[in-house]
């Protein structure tokens, strides 16, 4: 993508969650009503042989397993120095 040494990527998945739980008398019952999803996209741009800049976007849908929670969006920038 672009020039030699550059690359991009997309990551999608779901962290572990409790889909169902057998009820045990007297115990708290834990269950996630909705599934949390994680989406990440990034592009590594190689400035020169020693420096690379990687901007990205991380999105979390249904945070804490609850669709009533607003989605979370985080912009990130990573700079890598190689010696």
PDB file of N, CA and C in Angstrom:
ATOM      1  N   UNK A   1       0.845  -1.174   0.000  1.00  0.00           N
ATOM      2  CA  UNK A   1       0.000   0.000   0.000  1.00  0.00           C
ATOM      3  C   UNK A   1       0.891   1.237   0.000  1.00  0.00           C
ATOM      4  N   UNK A   2       0.846   2.002  -1.031  1.00  0.00           N
ATOM      5  CA  UNK A   2       1.700   3.178  -1.106  1.00  0.00           C
ATOM      6  C   UNK A   2       3.096   2.795  -1.503  1.00  0.00           C
ATOM      7  N   UNK A   3       4.063   3.139  -0.681  1.00  0.00           N
ATOM      8  CA  UNK A   3       5.440   2.784  -0.993  1.00  0.00           C
ATOM      9  C   UNK A   3       5.913   1.592  -0.163  1.00  0.00           C
ATOM     10  N   UNK A   4       7.070   1.089  -0.478  1.00  0.00           N
ATOM     11  CA  UNK A   4       7.624  -0.082   0.200  1.00  0.00           C
ATOM     12  C   UNK A   4       7.790   0.196   1.693  1.00  0.00           C
ATOM     13  N   UNK A   5       7.327  -0.735   2.518  1.00  0.00           N
ATOM     14  CA  UNK A   5       7.425  -0.602   3.972  1.00  0.00           C
ATOM     15  C   UNK A   5       6.145  -0.105   4.625  1.00  0.00           C
ATOM     16  N   UNK A   6       5.198   0.406   3.847  1.00  0.00           N
ATOM     17  CA  UNK A   6       3.904   0.840   4.399  1.00  0.00           C
ATOM     18  C   UNK A   6       2.940  -0.334   4.427  1.00  0.00           C
ATOM     19  N   UNK A   7       2.020  -0.322   5.384  1.00  0.00           N
ATOM     20  CA  UNK A   7       0.966  -1.332   5.379  1.00  0.00           C
ATOM     21  C   UNK A   7      -0.204  -0.871   6.242  1.00  0.00           C
ATOM     22  N   UNK A   8      -1.358  -1.430   5.963  1.00  0.00           N
ATOM     23  CA  UNK A   8      -2.566  -1.107   6.706  1.00  0.00           C
ATOM     24  C   UNK A   8      -3.217  -2.377   7.213  1.00  0.00           C
ATOM     25  N   UNK A   9      -4.130  -2.202   8.131  1.00  0.00           N
ATOM     26  CA  UNK A   9      -4.806  -3.372   8.669  1.00  0.00           C
ATOM     27  C   UNK A   9      -6.137  -3.027   9.298  1.00  0.00           C
ATOM     28  N   UNK A  10      -6.984  -4.038   9.394  1.00  0.00           N
ATOM     29  CA  UNK A  10      -8.277  -3.921  10.049  1.00  0.00           C
ATOM     30  C   UNK A  10      -8.428  -5.116  10.983  1.00  0.00           C
ATOM     31  N   UNK A  11      -8.827  -4.844  12.220  1.00  0.00           N
ATOM     32  CA  UNK A  11      -9.022  -5.890  13.219  1.00  0.00           C
ATOM     33  C   UNK A  11     -10.465  -5.791  13.712  1.00  0.00           C
ATOM     34  N   UNK A  12     -11.170  -6.916  13.756  1.00  0.00           N
ATOM     35  CA  UNK A  12     -12.541  -6.932  14.257  1.00  0.00           C
ATOM     36  C   UNK A  12     -12.716  -8.144  15.148  1.00  0.00           C
ATOM     37  N   UNK A  13     -13.390  -7.971  16.265  1.00  0.00           N
ATOM     38  CA  UNK A  13     -13.607  -9.108  17.145  1.00  0.00           C
ATOM     39  C   UNK A  13     -14.499  -8.760  18.316  1.00  0.00           C
ATOM     40  N   UNK A  14     -14.635  -9.708  19.209  1.00  0.00           N
ATOM     41  CA  UNK A  14     -15.437  -9.534  20.414  1.00  0.00           C
ATOM     42  C   UNK A  14     -14.649 -10.082  21.598  1.00  0.00           C
ATOM     43  N   UNK A  15     -14.573  -9.328  22.695  1.00  0.00           N
ATOM     44  CA  UNK A  15     -13.891  -9.861  23.876  1.00  0.00           C
ATOM     45  C   UNK A  15     -14.747 -10.948  24.522  1.00  0.00           C
ATOM     46  N   UNK A  16     -14.184 -11.717  25.429  1.00  0.00           N
ATOM     47  CA  UNK A  16     -14.976 -12.746  26.105  1.00  0.00           C
ATOM     48  C   UNK A  16     -16.182 -12.118  26.814  1.00  0.00           C
ATOM     49  N   UNK A  17     -17.304 -12.823  26.771  1.00  0.00           N
ATOM     50  CA  UNK A  17     -18.502 -12.333  27.434  1.00  0.00           C
ATOM     51  C   UNK A  17     -19.318 -13.523  27.928  1.00  0.00           C
ATOM     52  N   UNK A  18     -20.243 -13.268  28.836  1.00  0.00           N
ATOM     53  CA  UNK A  18     -21.084 -14.312  29.402  1.00  0.00           C
ATOM     54  C   UNK A  18     -22.388 -14.346  28.615  1.00  0.00           C
ATOM     55  N   UNK A  19     -22.588 -15.405  27.820  1.00  0.00           N
ATOM     56  CA  UNK A  19     -23.798 -15.533  27.012  1.00  0.00           C
ATOM     57  C   UNK A  19     -24.947 -16.098  27.834  1.00  0.00           C
ATOM     58  N   UNK A  20     -24.632 -17.011  28.735  1.00  0.00           N
ATOM     59  CA  UNK A  20     -25.656 -17.556  29.622  1.00  0.00           C
ATOM     60  C   UNK A  20     -24.970 -18.057  30.881  1.00  0.00           C
ATOM     61  N   UNK A  21     -25.774 -18.206  31.923  1.00  0.00           N
ATOM     62  CA  UNK A  21     -25.231 -18.626  33.205  1.00  0.00           C
ATOM     63  C   UNK A  21     -26.319 -19.386  33.947  1.00  0.00           C
ATOM     64  N   UNK A  22     -25.983 -20.546  34.457  1.00  0.00           N
ATOM     65  CA  UNK A  22     -26.969 -21.309  35.216  1.00  0.00           C
ATOM     66  C   UNK A  22     -27.211 -20.633  36.555  1.00  0.00           C
ATOM     67  N   UNK A  23     -28.466 -20.550  36.922  1.00  0.00           N
ATOM     68  CA  UNK A  23     -28.809 -19.898  38.178  1.00  0.00           C
ATOM     69  C   UNK A  23     -28.451 -20.799  39.346  1.00  0.00           C
ATOM     70  N   UNK A  24     -27.710 -20.245  40.297  1.00  0.00           N
ATOM     71  CA  UNK A  24     -27.376 -20.959  41.526  1.00  0.00           C
ATOM     72  C   UNK A  24     -28.047 -20.192  42.656  1.00  0.00           C
ATOM     73  N   UNK A  25     -28.834 -20.878  43.456  1.00  0.00           N
ATOM     74  CA  UNK A  25     -29.590 -20.234  44.525  1.00  0.00           C
ATOM     75  C   UNK A  25     -28.668 -19.428  45.435  1.00  0.00           C
ATOM     76  N   UNK A  26     -29.030 -18.159  45.648  1.00  0.00           N
ATOM     77  CA  UNK A  26     -28.268 -17.297  46.544  1.00  0.00           C
ATOM     78  C   UNK A  26     -27.067 -16.632  45.904  1.00  0.00           C
ATOM     79  N   UNK A  27     -26.718 -16.978  44.673  1.00  0.00           N
ATOM     80  CA  UNK A  27     -25.556 -16.382  44.013  1.00  0.00           C
ATOM     81  C   UNK A  27     -26.006 -15.306  43.023  1.00  0.00           C
ATOM     82  N   UNK A  28     -25.172 -14.333  42.823  1.00  0.00           N
ATOM     83  CA  UNK A  28     -25.472 -13.309  41.822  1.00  0.00           C
ATOM     84  C   UNK A  28     -25.358 -13.927  40.434  1.00  0.00           C
ATOM     85  N   UNK A  29     -26.292 -13.595  39.587  1.00  0.00           N
ATOM     86  CA  UNK A  29     -26.306 -14.134  38.233  1.00  0.00           C
ATOM     87  C   UNK A  29     -25.722 -13.094  37.288  1.00  0.00           C
ATOM     88  N   UNK A  30     -24.669 -13.455  36.587  1.00  0.00           N
ATOM     89  CA  UNK A  30     -23.996 -12.541  35.666  1.00  0.00           C
ATOM     90  C   UNK A  30     -24.305 -12.952  34.243  1.00  0.00           C
ATOM     91  N   UNK A  31     -24.738 -11.995  33.419  1.00  0.00           N
ATOM     92  CA  UNK A  31     -24.998 -12.259  32.011  1.00  0.00           C
ATOM     93  C   UNK A  31     -24.915 -10.942  31.266  1.00  0.00           C
ATOM     94  N   UNK A  32     -24.224 -10.943  30.130  1.00  0.00           N
ATOM     95  CA  UNK A  32     -24.155  -9.756  29.281  1.00  0.00           C
ATOM     96  C   UNK A  32     -25.350  -9.771  28.349  1.00  0.00           C
ATOM     97  N   UNK A  33     -26.145  -8.699  28.377  1.00  0.00           N
ATOM     98  CA  UNK A  33     -27.335  -8.630  27.530  1.00  0.00           C
ATOM     99  C   UNK A  33     -26.989  -8.479  26.056  1.00  0.00           C
ATOM    100  N   UNK A  34     -25.900  -7.769  25.770  1.00  0.00           N
ATOM    101  CA  UNK A  34     -25.475  -7.536  24.390  1.00  0.00           C
ATOM    102  C   UNK A  34     -24.005  -7.902  24.243  1.00  0.00           C
ATOM    103  N   UNK A  35     -23.571  -8.108  23.032  1.00  0.00           N
ATOM    104  CA  UNK A  35     -22.177  -8.448  22.755  1.00  0.00           C
ATOM    105  C   UNK A  35     -21.405  -7.170  22.452  1.00  0.00           C
ATOM    106  N   UNK A  36     -20.255  -7.012  23.086  1.00  0.00           N
ATOM    107  CA  UNK A  36     -19.366  -5.895  22.801  1.00  0.00           C
ATOM    108  C   UNK A  36     -18.514  -6.254  21.588  1.00  0.00           C
ATOM    109  N   UNK A  37     -18.370  -5.315  20.656  1.00  0.00           N
ATOM    110  CA  UNK A  37     -17.535  -5.524  19.475  1.00  0.00           C
ATOM    111  C   UNK A  37     -16.418  -4.497  19.452  1.00  0.00           C
ATOM    112  N   UNK A  38     -15.273  -4.912  18.944  1.00  0.00           N
ATOM    113  CA  UNK A  38     -14.090  -4.062  18.850  1.00  0.00           C
ATOM    114  C   UNK A  38     -13.670  -3.991  17.387  1.00  0.00           C
ATOM    115  N   UNK A  39     -13.503  -2.781  16.874  1.00  0.00           N
ATOM    116  CA  UNK A  39     -13.056  -2.570  15.502  1.00  0.00           C
ATOM    117  C   UNK A  39     -11.865  -1.626  15.526  1.00  0.00           C
ATOM    118  N   UNK A  40     -10.798  -2.014  14.862  1.00  0.00           N
ATOM    119  CA  UNK A  40      -9.603  -1.174  14.797  1.00  0.00           C
ATOM    120  C   UNK A  40      -9.097  -1.130  13.366  1.00  0.00           C
ATOM    121  N   UNK A  41      -8.744   0.068  12.918  1.00  0.00           N
ATOM    122  CA  UNK A  41      -8.149   0.249  11.587  1.00  0.00           C
ATOM    123  C   UNK A  41      -6.909   1.118  11.743  1.00  0.00           C
ATOM    124  N   UNK A  42      -5.850   0.762  11.014  1.00  0.00           N
ATOM    125  CA  UNK A  42      -4.609   1.533  11.106  1.00  0.00           C
ATOM    126  C   UNK A  42      -3.873   1.508   9.776  1.00  0.00           C
ATOM    127  N   UNK A  43      -2.943   2.461   9.609  1.00  0.00           N
ATOM    128  CA  UNK A  43      -2.096   2.502   8.428  1.00  0.00           C
ATOM    129  C   UNK A  43      -0.702   2.932   8.857  1.00  0.00           C
ATOM    130  N   UNK A  44       0.276   2.088   8.620  1.00  0.00           N
ATOM    131  CA  UNK A  44       1.664   2.392   8.987  1.00  0.00           C
ATOM    132  C   UNK A  44       2.345   3.061   7.803  1.00  0.00           C
ATOM    133  N   UNK A  45       2.812   4.289   8.038  1.00  0.00           N
ATOM    134  CA  UNK A  45       3.506   5.056   7.001  1.00  0.00           C
ATOM    135  C   UNK A  45       4.976   5.157   7.376  1.00  0.00           C
ATOM    136  N   UNK A  46       5.832   4.617   6.546  1.00  0.00           N
ATOM    137  CA  UNK A  46       7.267   4.624   6.797  1.00  0.00           C
ATOM    138  C   UNK A  46       7.857   5.931   6.275  1.00  0.00           C
ATOM    139  N   UNK A  47       8.298   6.797   7.199  1.00  0.00           N
ATOM    140  CA  UNK A  47       8.873   8.091   6.829  1.00  0.00           C
ATOM    141  C   UNK A  47      10.252   7.890   6.221  1.00  0.00           C
ATOM    142  N   UNK A  48      11.080   7.094   6.892  1.00  0.00           N
ATOM    143  CA  UNK A  48      12.402   6.724   6.375  1.00  0.00           C
ATOM    144  C   UNK A  48      12.784   5.385   7.008  1.00  0.00           C
ATOM    145  N   UNK A  49      14.030   4.984   6.892  1.00  0.00           N
ATOM    146  CA  UNK A  49      14.443   3.678   7.424  1.00  0.00           C
ATOM    147  C   UNK A  49      14.333   3.591   8.948  1.00  0.00           C
ATOM    148  N   UNK A  50      14.297   4.732   9.641  1.00  0.00           N
ATOM    149  CA  UNK A  50      14.309   4.721  11.105  1.00  0.00           C
ATOM    150  C   UNK A  50      13.019   5.200  11.764  1.00  0.00           C
ATOM    151  N   UNK A  51      12.110   5.794  11.019  1.00  0.00           N
ATOM    152  CA  UNK A  51      10.905   6.363  11.620  1.00  0.00           C
ATOM    153  C   UNK A  51       9.666   5.903  10.864  1.00  0.00           C
ATOM    154  N   UNK A  52       8.653   5.459  11.613  1.00  0.00           N
ATOM    155  CA  UNK A  52       7.362   5.086  11.032  1.00  0.00           C
ATOM    156  C   UNK A  52       6.253   5.713  11.886  1.00  0.00           C
ATOM    157  N   UNK A  53       5.237   6.233  11.237  1.00  0.00           N
ATOM    158  CA  UNK A  53       4.089   6.825  11.914  1.00  0.00           C
ATOM    159  C   UNK A  53       2.864   5.985  11.591  1.00  0.00           C
ATOM    160  N   UNK A  54       2.108   5.630  12.627  1.00  0.00           N
ATOM    161  CA  UNK A  54       0.932   4.771  12.450  1.00  0.00           C
ATOM    162  C   UNK A  54      -0.299   5.426  13.073  1.00  0.00           C
ATOM    163  N   UNK A  55      -1.107   6.129  12.283  1.00  0.00           N
ATOM    164  CA  UNK A  55      -2.377   6.612  12.810  1.00  0.00           C
ATOM    165  C   UNK A  55      -3.406   5.486  12.775  1.00  0.00           C
ATOM    166  N   UNK A  56      -4.374   5.566  13.687  1.00  0.00           N
ATOM    167  CA  UNK A  56      -5.401   4.531  13.723  1.00  0.00           C
ATOM    168  C   UNK A  56      -6.666   5.014  14.399  1.00  0.00           C
ATOM    169  N   UNK A  57      -7.703   4.216  14.274  1.00  0.00           N
ATOM    170  CA  UNK A  57      -8.984   4.491  14.908  1.00  0.00           C
ATOM    171  C   UNK A  57      -9.466   3.208  15.564  1.00  0.00           C
ATOM    172  N   UNK A  58      -9.852   3.308  16.844  1.00  0.00           N
ATOM    173  CA  UNK A  58     -10.399   2.179  17.586  1.00  0.00           C
ATOM    174  C   UNK A  58     -11.848   2.507  17.910  1.00  0.00           C
ATOM    175  N   UNK A  59     -12.754   1.580  17.628  1.00  0.00           N
ATOM    176  CA  UNK A  59     -14.177   1.755  17.925  1.00  0.00           C
ATOM    177  C   UNK A  59     -14.645   0.585  18.781  1.00  0.00           C
ATOM    178  N   UNK A  60     -15.411   0.902  19.826  1.00  0.00           N
ATOM    179  CA  UNK A  60     -15.989  -0.127  20.677  1.00  0.00           C
ATOM    180  C   UNK A  60     -17.501   0.055  20.642  1.00  0.00           C
ATOM    181  N   UNK A  61     -18.204  -0.983  20.214  1.00  0.00           N
ATOM    182  CA  UNK A  61     -19.655  -0.950  20.102  1.00  0.00           C
ATOM    183  C   UNK A  61     -20.264  -1.752  21.250  1.00  0.00           C
ATOM    184  N   UNK A  62     -21.320  -1.247  21.840  1.00  0.00           N
ATOM    185  CA  UNK A  62     -21.989  -1.860  22.998  1.00  0.00           C
ATOM    186  C   UNK A  62     -21.015  -2.037  24.164  1.00  0.00           C
ATOM    187  N   UNK A  63     -20.355  -0.967  24.616  1.00  0.00           N
ATOM    188  CA  UNK A  63     -19.393  -1.114  25.713  1.00  0.00           C
ATOM    189  C   UNK A  63     -20.029  -1.734  26.952  1.00  0.00           C
ATOM    190  N   UNK A  64     -19.247  -2.524  27.648  1.00  0.00           N
ATOM    191  CA  UNK A  64     -19.665  -3.232  28.856  1.00  0.00           C
ATOM    192  C   UNK A  64     -20.858  -4.150  28.613  1.00  0.00           C
ATOM    193  N   UNK A  65     -21.016  -4.609  27.363  1.00  0.00           N
ATOM    194  CA  UNK A  65     -22.088  -5.548  27.046  1.00  0.00           C
ATOM    195  C   UNK A  65     -23.474  -4.954  27.170  1.00  0.00           C
ATOM    196  N   UNK A  66     -23.586  -3.645  26.890  1.00  0.00           N
ATOM    197  CA  UNK A  66     -24.865  -2.966  27.051  1.00  0.00           C
ATOM    198  C   UNK A  66     -25.081  -2.019  25.872  1.00  0.00           C
ATOM    199  N   UNK A  67     -26.081  -2.293  25.050  1.00  0.00           N
ATOM    200  CA  UNK A  67     -26.318  -1.462  23.868  1.00  0.00           C
ATOM    201  C   UNK A  67     -26.846  -0.074  24.221  1.00  0.00           C
ATOM    202  N   UNK A  68     -27.246   0.144  25.473  1.00  0.00           N
ATOM    203  CA  UNK A  68     -27.682   1.472  25.907  1.00  0.00           C
ATOM    204  C   UNK A  68     -26.504   2.418  26.094  1.00  0.00           C
ATOM    205  N   UNK A  69     -25.308   1.872  26.287  1.00  0.00           N
ATOM    206  CA  UNK A  69     -24.111   2.709  26.417  1.00  0.00           C
ATOM    207  C   UNK A  69     -23.722   3.258  25.055  1.00  0.00           C
ATOM    208  N   UNK A  70     -23.264   4.517  24.993  1.00  0.00           N
ATOM    209  CA  UNK A  70     -22.843   5.073  23.703  1.00  0.00           C
ATOM    210  C   UNK A  70     -21.566   4.390  23.202  1.00  0.00           C
ATOM    211  N   UNK A  71     -21.426   4.308  21.892  1.00  0.00           N
ATOM    212  CA  UNK A  71     -20.211   3.741  21.305  1.00  0.00           C
ATOM    213  C   UNK A  71     -19.016   4.602  21.673  1.00  0.00           C
ATOM    214  N   UNK A  72     -17.841   3.987  21.726  1.00  0.00           N
ATOM    215  CA  UNK A  72     -16.603   4.683  22.077  1.00  0.00           C
ATOM    216  C   UNK A  72     -15.706   4.722  20.850  1.00  0.00           C
ATOM    217  N   UNK A  73     -15.149   5.892  20.560  1.00  0.00           N
ATOM    218  CA  UNK A  73     -14.226   6.068  19.442  1.00  0.00           C
ATOM    219  C   UNK A  73     -12.947   6.707  19.965  1.00  0.00           C
ATOM    220  N   UNK A  74     -11.811   6.112  19.617  1.00  0.00           N
ATOM    221  CA  UNK A  74     -10.522   6.610  20.082  1.00  0.00           C
ATOM    222  C   UNK A  74      -9.587   6.726  18.886  1.00  0.00           C
ATOM    223  N   UNK A  75      -9.049   7.908  18.677  1.00  0.00           N
ATOM    224  CA  UNK A  75      -8.028   8.102  17.647  1.00  0.00           C
ATOM    225  C   UNK A  75      -6.645   7.941  18.274  1.00  0.00           C
ATOM    226  N   UNK A  76      -5.761   7.266  17.583  1.00  0.00           N
ATOM    227  CA  UNK A  76      -4.428   7.025  18.107  1.00  0.00           C
ATOM    228  C   UNK A  76      -3.370   7.337  17.051  1.00  0.00           C
ATOM    229  N   UNK A  77      -2.199   7.735  17.526  1.00  0.00           N
ATOM    230  CA  UNK A  77      -1.053   7.928  16.642  1.00  0.00           C
ATOM    231  C   UNK A  77       0.154   7.315  17.340  1.00  0.00           C
ATOM    232  N   UNK A  78       0.825   6.403  16.656  1.00  0.00           N
ATOM    233  CA  UNK A  78       2.027   5.758  17.195  1.00  0.00           C
ATOM    234  C   UNK A  78       3.198   6.153  16.300  1.00  0.00           C
ATOM    235  N   UNK A  79       4.292   6.541  16.931  1.00  0.00           N
ATOM    236  CA  UNK A  79       5.525   6.815  16.205  1.00  0.00           C
ATOM    237  C   UNK A  79       6.569   5.798  16.645  1.00  0.00           C
ATOM    238  N   UNK A  80       7.162   5.088  15.695  1.00  0.00           N
ATOM    239  CA  UNK A  80       8.142   4.049  15.994  1.00  0.00           C
ATOM    240  C   UNK A  80       9.507   4.492  15.497  1.00  0.00           C
ATOM    241  N   UNK A  81      10.477   4.475  16.410  1.00  0.00           N
ATOM    242  CA  UNK A  81      11.864   4.803  16.074  1.00  0.00           C
ATOM    243  C   UNK A  81      12.676   3.518  16.095  1.00  0.00           C
ATOM    244  N   UNK A  82      13.374   3.217  15.038  1.00  0.00           N
ATOM    245  CA  UNK A  82      14.188   2.008  14.922  1.00  0.00           C
ATOM    246  C   UNK A  82      15.659   2.404  14.835  1.00  0.00           C
ATOM    247  N   UNK A  83      16.474   1.795  15.701  1.00  0.00           N
ATOM    248  CA  UNK A  83      17.915   2.111  15.702  1.00  0.00           C
ATOM    249  C   UNK A  83      18.718   0.880  15.398  1.00  0.00           C
TER     250      UNK A  83
END
